[in-house]
PDB file of N, CA and C in Angstrom:
ATOM      1  N   MET A   1     -39.570 -13.025 -17.589  1.00  0.00           N
ATOM      2  CA  MET A   1     -38.783 -12.014 -16.916  1.00  0.00           C
ATOM      3  C   MET A   1     -39.706 -10.891 -16.448  1.00  0.00           C
ATOM      4  N   ARG A   2     -39.588 -10.493 -15.203  1.00  0.00           N
ATOM      5  CA  ARG A   2     -40.436  -9.465 -14.613  1.00  0.00           C
ATOM      6  C   ARG A   2     -39.914  -8.087 -14.989  1.00  0.00           C
ATOM      7  N   LYS A   3     -40.852  -7.219 -15.411  1.00  0.00           N
ATOM      8  CA  LYS A   3     -40.464  -5.859 -15.750  1.00  0.00           C
ATOM      9  C   LYS A   3     -40.327  -5.039 -14.471  1.00  0.00           C
ATOM     10  N   THR A   4     -39.335  -4.198 -14.429  1.00  0.00           N
ATOM     11  CA  THR A   4     -39.170  -3.299 -13.293  1.00  0.00           C
ATOM     12  C   THR A   4     -39.478  -1.896 -13.757  1.00  0.00           C
ATOM     13  N   PRO A   5     -40.112  -1.091 -12.892  1.00  0.00           N
ATOM     14  CA  PRO A   5     -40.461   0.263 -13.317  1.00  0.00           C
ATOM     15  C   PRO A   5     -39.207   1.083 -13.583  1.00  0.00           C
ATOM     16  N   LYS A   6     -39.295   1.928 -14.623  1.00  0.00           N
ATOM     17  CA  LYS A   6     -38.176   2.805 -14.938  1.00  0.00           C
ATOM     18  C   LYS A   6     -38.061   3.871 -13.863  1.00  0.00           C
ATOM     19  N   GLN A   7     -36.860   4.224 -13.552  1.00  0.00           N
ATOM     20  CA  GLN A   7     -36.623   5.246 -12.548  1.00  0.00           C
ATOM     21  C   GLN A   7     -36.603   6.615 -13.200  1.00  0.00           C
ATOM     22  N   ASN A   8     -37.250   7.583 -12.561  1.00  0.00           N
ATOM     23  CA  ASN A   8     -37.203   8.957 -13.031  1.00  0.00           C
ATOM     24  C   ASN A   8     -35.861   9.559 -12.686  1.00  0.00           C
ATOM     25  N   SER A   9     -35.519  10.639 -13.378  1.00  0.00           N
ATOM     26  CA  SER A   9     -34.285  11.343 -13.042  1.00  0.00           C
ATOM     27  C   SER A   9     -34.440  11.975 -11.662  1.00  0.00           C
ATOM     28  N   ALA A  10     -33.339  12.284 -11.041  1.00  0.00           N
ATOM     29  CA  ALA A  10     -33.346  12.816  -9.674  1.00  0.00           C
ATOM     30  C   ALA A  10     -34.214  14.055  -9.596  1.00  0.00           C
ATOM     31  N   GLY A  11     -35.064  14.117  -8.584  1.00  0.00           N
ATOM     32  CA  GLY A  11     -35.899  15.285  -8.356  1.00  0.00           C
ATOM     33  C   GLY A  11     -37.227  15.268  -9.104  1.00  0.00           C
ATOM     34  N   ALA A  12     -37.395  14.360 -10.064  1.00  0.00           N
ATOM     35  CA  ALA A  12     -38.635  14.298 -10.819  1.00  0.00           C
ATOM     36  C   ALA A  12     -39.697  13.575 -10.004  1.00  0.00           C
ATOM     37  N   LYS A  13     -40.951  13.938 -10.245  1.00  0.00           N
ATOM     38  CA  LYS A  13     -42.043  13.275  -9.541  1.00  0.00           C
ATOM     39  C   LYS A  13     -42.206  11.860 -10.061  1.00  0.00           C
ATOM     40  N   PRO A  14     -42.432  10.908  -9.170  1.00  0.00           N
ATOM     41  CA  PRO A  14     -42.619   9.524  -9.625  1.00  0.00           C
ATOM     42  C   PRO A  14     -43.986   9.359 -10.289  1.00  0.00           C
ATOM     43  N   THR A  15     -44.085   8.384 -11.134  1.00  0.00           N
ATOM     44  CA  THR A  15     -45.356   8.076 -11.779  1.00  0.00           C
ATOM     45  C   THR A  15     -46.259   7.345 -10.791  1.00  0.00           C
ATOM     46  N   ALA A  16     -47.532   7.238 -11.144  1.00  0.00           N
ATOM     47  CA  ALA A  16     -48.485   6.509 -10.299  1.00  0.00           C
ATOM     48  C   ALA A  16     -48.055   5.052 -10.153  1.00  0.00           C
ATOM     49  N   ASP A  17     -47.552   4.470 -11.240  1.00  0.00           N
ATOM     50  CA  ASP A  17     -47.097   3.075 -11.178  1.00  0.00           C
ATOM     51  C   ASP A  17     -45.912   2.919 -10.225  1.00  0.00           C
ATOM     52  N   GLN A  18     -45.002   3.878 -10.222  1.00  0.00           N
ATOM     53  CA  GLN A  18     -43.854   3.808  -9.326  1.00  0.00           C
ATOM     54  C   GLN A  18     -44.296   3.944  -7.869  1.00  0.00           C
ATOM     55  N   ILE A  19     -45.255   4.820  -7.599  1.00  0.00           N
ATOM     56  CA  ILE A  19     -45.776   4.962  -6.236  1.00  0.00           C
ATOM     57  C   ILE A  19     -46.465   3.670  -5.809  1.00  0.00           C
ATOM     58  N   ALA A  20     -47.237   3.078  -6.728  1.00  0.00           N
ATOM     59  CA  ALA A  20     -47.922   1.812  -6.423  1.00  0.00           C
ATOM     60  C   ALA A  20     -46.917   0.717  -6.115  1.00  0.00           C
ATOM     61  N   GLU A  21     -45.826   0.691  -6.842  1.00  0.00           N
ATOM     62  CA  GLU A  21     -44.775  -0.313  -6.601  1.00  0.00           C
ATOM     63  C   GLU A  21     -44.173  -0.133  -5.209  1.00  0.00           C
ATOM     64  N   LEU A  22     -43.918   1.127  -4.820  1.00  0.00           N
ATOM     65  CA  LEU A  22     -43.388   1.395  -3.478  1.00  0.00           C
ATOM     66  C   LEU A  22     -44.374   0.918  -2.412  1.00  0.00           C
ATOM     67  N   ALA A  23     -45.656   1.214  -2.614  1.00  0.00           N
ATOM     68  CA  ALA A  23     -46.678   0.809  -1.649  1.00  0.00           C
ATOM     69  C   ALA A  23     -46.774  -0.707  -1.566  1.00  0.00           C
ATOM     70  N   THR A  24     -46.661  -1.374  -2.715  1.00  0.00           N
ATOM     71  CA  THR A  24     -46.707  -2.841  -2.745  1.00  0.00           C
ATOM     72  C   THR A  24     -45.564  -3.445  -1.942  1.00  0.00           C
ATOM     73  N   ARG A  25     -44.419  -2.780  -1.962  1.00  0.00           N
ATOM     74  CA  ARG A  25     -43.267  -3.256  -1.196  1.00  0.00           C
ATOM     75  C   ARG A  25     -43.375  -2.880   0.280  1.00  0.00           C
ATOM     76  N   GLY A  26     -44.449  -2.161   0.645  1.00  0.00           N
ATOM     77  CA  GLY A  26     -44.666  -1.803   2.045  1.00  0.00           C
ATOM     78  C   GLY A  26     -44.001  -0.508   2.470  1.00  0.00           C
ATOM     79  N   GLU A  27     -43.499   0.256   1.504  1.00  0.00           N
ATOM     80  CA  GLU A  27     -42.845   1.519   1.849  1.00  0.00           C
ATOM     81  C   GLU A  27     -43.883   2.608   2.094  1.00  0.00           C
ATOM     82  N   ASP A  28     -43.499   3.611   2.875  1.00  0.00           N
ATOM     83  CA  ASP A  28     -44.387   4.731   3.184  1.00  0.00           C
ATOM     84  C   ASP A  28     -44.482   5.637   1.959  1.00  0.00           C
ATOM     85  N   VAL A  29     -45.690   5.824   1.436  1.00  0.00           N
ATOM     86  CA  VAL A  29     -45.891   6.666   0.263  1.00  0.00           C
ATOM     87  C   VAL A  29     -46.682   7.929   0.598  1.00  0.00           C
ATOM     88  N   SER A  30     -46.873   8.192   1.879  1.00  0.00           N
ATOM     89  CA  SER A  30     -47.695   9.333   2.286  1.00  0.00           C
ATOM     90  C   SER A  30     -47.127  10.668   1.808  1.00  0.00           C
ATOM     91  N   ARG A  31     -45.807  10.734   1.588  1.00  0.00           N
ATOM     92  CA  ARG A  31     -45.199  11.994   1.148  1.00  0.00           C
ATOM     93  C   ARG A  31     -45.667  12.408  -0.245  1.00  0.00           C
ATOM     94  N   PHE A  32     -46.216  11.471  -1.007  1.00  0.00           N
ATOM     95  CA  PHE A  32     -46.679  11.783  -2.353  1.00  0.00           C
ATOM     96  C   PHE A  32     -48.102  12.340  -2.372  1.00  0.00           C
ATOM     97  N   PHE A  33     -48.780  12.312  -1.233  1.00  0.00           N
ATOM     98  CA  PHE A  33     -50.165  12.767  -1.154  1.00  0.00           C
ATOM     99  C   PHE A  33     -50.212  14.058  -0.349  1.00  0.00           C
ATOM    100  N   THR A  34     -50.354  15.174  -1.056  1.00  0.00           N
ATOM    101  CA  THR A  34     -50.258  16.491  -0.430  1.00  0.00           C
ATOM    102  C   THR A  34     -51.617  17.079  -0.065  1.00  0.00           C
ATOM    103  N   ASN A  35     -52.705  16.458  -0.501  1.00  0.00           N
ATOM    104  CA  ASN A  35     -54.058  16.978  -0.325  1.00  0.00           C
ATOM    105  C   ASN A  35     -54.249  18.309  -1.045  1.00  0.00           C
ATOM    106  N   GLU A  36     -53.378  18.615  -1.982  1.00  0.00           N
ATOM    107  CA  GLU A  36     -53.539  19.783  -2.838  1.00  0.00           C
ATOM    108  C   GLU A  36     -53.975  19.258  -4.201  1.00  0.00           C
ATOM    109  N   PHE A  37     -55.215  19.528  -4.535  1.00  0.00           N
ATOM    110  CA  PHE A  37     -55.740  19.016  -5.785  1.00  0.00           C
ATOM    111  C   PHE A  37     -56.798  19.968  -6.315  1.00  0.00           C
ATOM    112  N   THR A  38     -57.146  19.799  -7.557  1.00  0.00           N
ATOM    113  CA  THR A  38     -58.183  20.585  -8.189  1.00  0.00           C
ATOM    114  C   THR A  38     -59.384  19.685  -8.421  1.00  0.00           C
ATOM    115  N   VAL A  39     -60.541  20.162  -8.015  1.00  0.00           N
ATOM    116  CA  VAL A  39     -61.755  19.395  -8.221  1.00  0.00           C
ATOM    117  C   VAL A  39     -62.211  19.619  -9.664  1.00  0.00           C
ATOM    118  N   VAL A  40     -62.405  18.529 -10.368  1.00  0.00           N
ATOM    119  CA  VAL A  40     -62.876  18.605 -11.744  1.00  0.00           C
ATOM    120  C   VAL A  40     -64.354  18.258 -11.746  1.00  0.00           C
ATOM    121  N   ARG A  41     -65.138  19.188 -12.239  1.00  0.00           N
ATOM    122  CA  ARG A  41     -66.585  18.946 -12.275  1.00  0.00           C
ATOM    123  C   ARG A  41     -66.907  17.878 -13.312  1.00  0.00           C
ATOM    124  N   PRO A  42     -67.924  17.072 -13.038  1.00  0.00           N
ATOM    125  CA  PRO A  42     -68.297  16.051 -14.018  1.00  0.00           C
ATOM    126  C   PRO A  42     -68.793  16.706 -15.313  1.00  0.00           C
ATOM    127  N   VAL A  43     -68.538  16.054 -16.414  1.00  0.00           N
ATOM    128  CA  VAL A  43     -68.943  16.560 -17.718  1.00  0.00           C
ATOM    129  C   VAL A  43     -70.196  15.829 -18.142  1.00  0.00           C
ATOM    130  N   GLN A  44     -71.124  16.578 -18.705  1.00  0.00           N
ATOM    131  CA  GLN A  44     -72.341  15.968 -19.230  1.00  0.00           C
ATOM    132  C   GLN A  44     -72.394  16.231 -20.723  1.00  0.00           C
ATOM    133  N   ARG A  45     -72.578  15.186 -21.494  1.00  0.00           N
ATOM    134  CA  ARG A  45     -72.647  15.327 -22.945  1.00  0.00           C
ATOM    135  C   ARG A  45     -74.031  15.815 -23.355  1.00  0.00           C
ATOM    136  N   VAL A  46     -74.045  16.682 -24.370  1.00  0.00           N
ATOM    137  CA  VAL A  46     -75.294  17.166 -24.937  1.00  0.00           C
ATOM    138  C   VAL A  46     -75.193  17.118 -26.457  1.00  0.00           C
ATOM    139  N   ASN A  47     -76.322  17.052 -27.089  1.00  0.00           N
ATOM    140  CA  ASN A  47     -76.384  17.103 -28.550  1.00  0.00           C
ATOM    141  C   ASN A  47     -77.061  18.397 -28.953  1.00  0.00           C
ATOM    142  N   ILE A  48     -76.539  19.054 -29.975  1.00  0.00           N
ATOM    143  CA  ILE A  48     -77.169  20.256 -30.494  1.00  0.00           C
ATOM    144  C   ILE A  48     -77.275  20.140 -32.004  1.00  0.00           C
ATOM    145  N   ASP A  49     -78.274  20.778 -32.556  1.00  0.00           N
ATOM    146  CA  ASP A  49     -78.456  20.812 -34.001  1.00  0.00           C
ATOM    147  C   ASP A  49     -77.968  22.161 -34.506  1.00  0.00           C
ATOM    148  N   LEU A  50     -77.080  22.141 -35.484  1.00  0.00           N
ATOM    149  CA  LEU A  50     -76.537  23.364 -36.066  1.00  0.00           C
ATOM    150  C   LEU A  50     -76.709  23.319 -37.572  1.00  0.00           C
ATOM    151  N   THR A  51     -76.837  24.495 -38.166  1.00  0.00           N
ATOM    152  CA  THR A  51     -76.928  24.551 -39.625  1.00  0.00           C
ATOM    153  C   THR A  51     -75.557  24.309 -40.232  1.00  0.00           C
ATOM    154  N   HIS A  52     -75.547  23.976 -41.521  1.00  0.00           N
ATOM    155  CA  HIS A  52     -74.270  23.775 -42.206  1.00  0.00           C
ATOM    156  C   HIS A  52     -73.444  25.051 -42.201  1.00  0.00           C
ATOM    157  N   GLY A  53     -74.109  26.179 -42.310  1.00  0.00           N
ATOM    158  CA  GLY A  53     -73.408  27.455 -42.289  1.00  0.00           C
ATOM    159  C   GLY A  53     -72.704  27.702 -40.963  1.00  0.00           C
ATOM    160  N   MET A  54     -73.394  27.382 -39.873  1.00  0.00           N
ATOM    161  CA  MET A  54     -72.785  27.549 -38.551  1.00  0.00           C
ATOM    162  C   MET A  54     -71.579  26.632 -38.400  1.00  0.00           C
ATOM    163  N   LEU A  55     -71.717  25.403 -38.866  1.00  0.00           N
ATOM    164  CA  LEU A  55     -70.600  24.458 -38.772  1.00  0.00           C
ATOM    165  C   LEU A  55     -69.412  24.933 -39.601  1.00  0.00           C
ATOM    166  N   ARG A  56     -69.676  25.457 -40.789  1.00  0.00           N
ATOM    167  CA  ARG A  56     -68.581  25.984 -41.619  1.00  0.00           C
ATOM    168  C   ARG A  56     -67.859  27.112 -40.894  1.00  0.00           C
ATOM    169  N   GLU A  57     -68.631  28.022 -40.281  1.00  0.00           N
ATOM    170  CA  GLU A  57     -68.015  29.134 -39.548  1.00  0.00           C
ATOM    171  C   GLU A  57     -67.211  28.639 -38.351  1.00  0.00           C
ATOM    172  N   LEU A  58     -67.784  27.687 -37.610  1.00  0.00           N
ATOM    173  CA  LEU A  58     -67.068  27.122 -36.464  1.00  0.00           C
ATOM    174  C   LEU A  58     -65.790  26.427 -36.909  1.00  0.00           C
ATOM    175  N   ASP A  59     -65.868  25.656 -37.985  1.00  0.00           N
ATOM    176  CA  ASP A  59     -64.693  24.945 -38.478  1.00  0.00           C
ATOM    177  C   ASP A  59     -63.622  25.919 -38.977  1.00  0.00           C
ATOM    178  N   ALA A  60     -64.048  26.993 -39.615  1.00  0.00           N
ATOM    179  CA  ALA A  60     -63.087  27.990 -40.097  1.00  0.00           C
ATOM    180  C   ALA A  60     -62.378  28.651 -38.922  1.00  0.00           C
ATOM    181  N   LYS A  61     -63.147  28.990 -37.882  1.00  0.00           N
ATOM    182  CA  LYS A  61     -62.553  29.612 -36.690  1.00  0.00           C
ATOM    183  C   LYS A  61     -61.611  28.627 -35.997  1.00  0.00           C
ATOM    184  N   ALA A  62     -62.022  27.371 -35.904  1.00  0.00           N
ATOM    185  CA  ALA A  62     -61.180  26.346 -35.278  1.00  0.00           C
ATOM    186  C   ALA A  62     -59.873  26.180 -36.053  1.00  0.00           C
ATOM    187  N   ALA A  63     -59.954  26.207 -37.380  1.00  0.00           N
ATOM    188  CA  ALA A  63     -58.748  26.064 -38.200  1.00  0.00           C
ATOM    189  C   ALA A  63     -57.821  27.260 -38.002  1.00  0.00           C
ATOM    190  N   ARG A  64     -58.392  28.481 -37.952  1.00  0.00           N
ATOM    191  CA  ARG A  64     -57.564  29.676 -37.729  1.00  0.00           C
ATOM    192  C   ARG A  64     -56.851  29.620 -36.391  1.00  0.00           C
ATOM    193  N   LEU A  65     -57.561  29.113 -35.366  1.00  0.00           N
ATOM    194  CA  LEU A  65     -56.996  29.052 -34.016  1.00  0.00           C
ATOM    195  C   LEU A  65     -56.199  27.772 -33.768  1.00  0.00           C
ATOM    196  N   ASN A  66     -56.290  26.841 -34.706  1.00  0.00           N
ATOM    197  CA  ASN A  66     -55.615  25.545 -34.581  1.00  0.00           C
ATOM    198  C   ASN A  66     -56.075  24.792 -33.326  1.00  0.00           C
ATOM    199  N   VAL A  67     -57.396  24.781 -33.119  1.00  0.00           N
ATOM    200  CA  VAL A  67     -58.009  24.043 -32.010  1.00  0.00           C
ATOM    201  C   VAL A  67     -59.185  23.246 -32.565  1.00  0.00           C
ATOM    202  N   SER A  68     -59.784  22.435 -31.724  1.00  0.00           N
ATOM    203  CA  SER A  68     -60.915  21.619 -32.160  1.00  0.00           C
ATOM    204  C   SER A  68     -62.194  22.455 -32.237  1.00  0.00           C
ATOM    205  N   ARG A  69     -63.153  21.936 -32.991  1.00  0.00           N
ATOM    206  CA  ARG A  69     -64.460  22.587 -33.069  1.00  0.00           C
ATOM    207  C   ARG A  69     -65.073  22.663 -31.670  1.00  0.00           C
ATOM    208  N   GLN A  70     -64.922  21.601 -30.899  1.00  0.00           N
ATOM    209  CA  GLN A  70     -65.478  21.568 -29.549  1.00  0.00           C
ATOM    210  C   GLN A  70     -64.884  22.682 -28.692  1.00  0.00           C
ATOM    211  N   ALA A  71     -63.594  22.926 -28.818  1.00  0.00           N
ATOM    212  CA  ALA A  71     -62.954  23.988 -28.040  1.00  0.00           C
ATOM    213  C   ALA A  71     -63.522  25.354 -28.410  1.00  0.00           C
ATOM    214  N   VAL A  72     -63.773  25.568 -29.695  1.00  0.00           N
ATOM    215  CA  VAL A  72     -64.357  26.840 -30.141  1.00  0.00           C
ATOM    216  C   VAL A  72     -65.755  27.001 -29.570  1.00  0.00           C
ATOM    217  N   ILE A  73     -66.559  25.946 -29.659  1.00  0.00           N
ATOM    218  CA  ILE A  73     -67.934  26.017 -29.135  1.00  0.00           C
ATOM    219  C   ILE A  73     -67.920  26.321 -27.643  1.00  0.00           C
ATOM    220  N   LYS A  74     -67.084  25.624 -26.884  1.00  0.00           N
ATOM    221  CA  LYS A  74     -67.021  25.845 -25.442  1.00  0.00           C
ATOM    222  C   LYS A  74     -66.579  27.268 -25.117  1.00  0.00           C
ATOM    223  N   THR A  75     -65.583  27.764 -25.845  1.00  0.00           N
ATOM    224  CA  THR A  75     -65.077  29.109 -25.589  1.00  0.00           C
ATOM    225  C   THR A  75     -66.132  30.162 -25.889  1.00  0.00           C
ATOM    226  N   LEU A  76     -66.787  30.046 -27.044  1.00  0.00           N
ATOM    227  CA  LEU A  76     -67.813  31.020 -27.408  1.00  0.00           C
ATOM    228  C   LEU A  76     -68.995  30.968 -26.445  1.00  0.00           C
ATOM    229  N   LEU A  77     -69.391  29.790 -26.047  1.00  0.00           N
ATOM    230  CA  LEU A  77     -70.503  29.646 -25.112  1.00  0.00           C
ATOM    231  C   LEU A  77     -70.145  30.240 -23.751  1.00  0.00           C
ATOM    232  N   ASP A  78     -68.923  29.980 -23.287  1.00  0.00           N
ATOM    233  CA  ASP A  78     -68.471  30.538 -22.012  1.00  0.00           C
ATOM    234  C   ASP A  78     -68.443  32.063 -22.067  1.00  0.00           C
ATOM    235  N   GLN A  79     -67.965  32.629 -23.178  1.00  0.00           N
ATOM    236  CA  GLN A  79     -67.933  34.079 -23.325  1.00  0.00           C
ATOM    237  C   GLN A  79     -69.335  34.666 -23.282  1.00  0.00           C
ATOM    238  N   ALA A  80     -70.283  34.022 -23.955  1.00  0.00           N
ATOM    239  CA  ALA A  80     -71.659  34.513 -23.971  1.00  0.00           C
ATOM    240  C   ALA A  80     -72.289  34.433 -22.580  1.00  0.00           C
ATOM    241  N   LEU A  81     -72.060  33.339 -21.870  1.00  0.00           N
ATOM    242  CA  LEU A  81     -72.617  33.198 -20.525  1.00  0.00           C
ATOM    243  C   LEU A  81     -71.976  34.184 -19.550  1.00  0.00           C
ATOM    244  N   SER A  82     -70.679  34.420 -19.683  1.00  0.00           N
ATOM    245  CA  SER A  82     -69.983  35.381 -18.817  1.00  0.00           C
ATOM    246  C   SER A  82     -70.513  36.785 -19.047  1.00  0.00           C
ATOM    247  N   ALA A  83     -70.776  37.132 -20.293  1.00  0.00           N
ATOM    248  CA  ALA A  83     -71.305  38.459 -20.610  1.00  0.00           C
ATOM    249  C   ALA A  83     -72.681  38.644 -19.986  1.00  0.00           C
ATOM    250  N   GLU A  84     -73.466  37.596 -19.940  1.00  0.00           N
ATOM    251  CA  GLU A  84     -74.805  37.650 -19.344  1.00  0.00           C
ATOM    252  C   GLU A  84     -74.721  37.853 -17.826  1.00  0.00           C
ATOM    253  N   ARG A  85     -73.702  37.283 -17.193  1.00  0.00           N
ATOM    254  CA  ARG A  85     -73.576  37.380 -15.731  1.00  0.00           C
ATOM    255  C   ARG A  85     -73.103  38.742 -15.268  1.00  0.00           C
ATOM    256  N   LYS A  86     -72.354  39.448 -16.113  1.00  0.00           N
ATOM    257  CA  LYS A  86     -71.812  40.738 -15.724  1.00  0.00           C
ATOM    258  C   LYS A  86     -72.935  41.774 -15.641  1.00  0.00           C
ATOM    259  N   PRO A  87     -72.906  42.614 -14.581  1.00  0.00           N
ATOM    260  CA  PRO A  87     -73.940  43.645 -14.499  1.00  0.00           C
ATOM    261  C   PRO A  87     -73.746  44.679 -15.603  1.00  0.00           C
ATOM    262  N   LYS A  88     -74.855  45.098 -16.162  1.00  0.00           N
ATOM    263  CA  LYS A  88     -74.792  46.086 -17.236  1.00  0.00           C
ATOM    264  C   LYS A  88     -74.536  47.471 -16.642  1.00  0.00           C
ATOM    265  N   LYS A  89     -73.628  48.237 -17.276  1.00  0.00           N
ATOM    266  CA  LYS A  89     -73.304  49.574 -16.798  1.00  0.00           C
ATOM    267  C   LYS A  89     -74.394  50.549 -17.202  1.00  0.00           C
ATOM    268  N   ALA A  90     -74.773  51.388 -16.248  1.00  0.00           N
ATOM    269  CA  ALA A  90     -75.769  52.420 -16.545  1.00  0.00           C
ATOM    270  C   ALA A  90     -75.077  53.533 -17.326  1.00  0.00           C
ATOM    271  N   GLY A  91     -75.697  54.034 -18.356  1.00  0.00           N
ATOM    272  CA  GLY A  91     -75.016  55.019 -19.175  1.00  0.00           C
ATOM    273  C   GLY A  91     -75.780  56.180 -19.437  1.00  0.00           C
TER     274      GLY A  91
END
């Protein structure tokens, strides 16, 4: 028995599989392509060496924020880089 794609409720956006099914049947699917998209930069993996103390602190912060260790590292690194880019105020 052939599976048929589930239909979304009225007004909901169709899934990629539903759009593909329409295209396979020869229907016009151009209305689903708005050319409005966000470019996602490629991610490059890196390895870093951290002390046990640093890892404990990162893990504690991640637990307090209820996020992953990776999210904490990325956030802290972004904050440090942003601070470096900002011009220093003369005082």
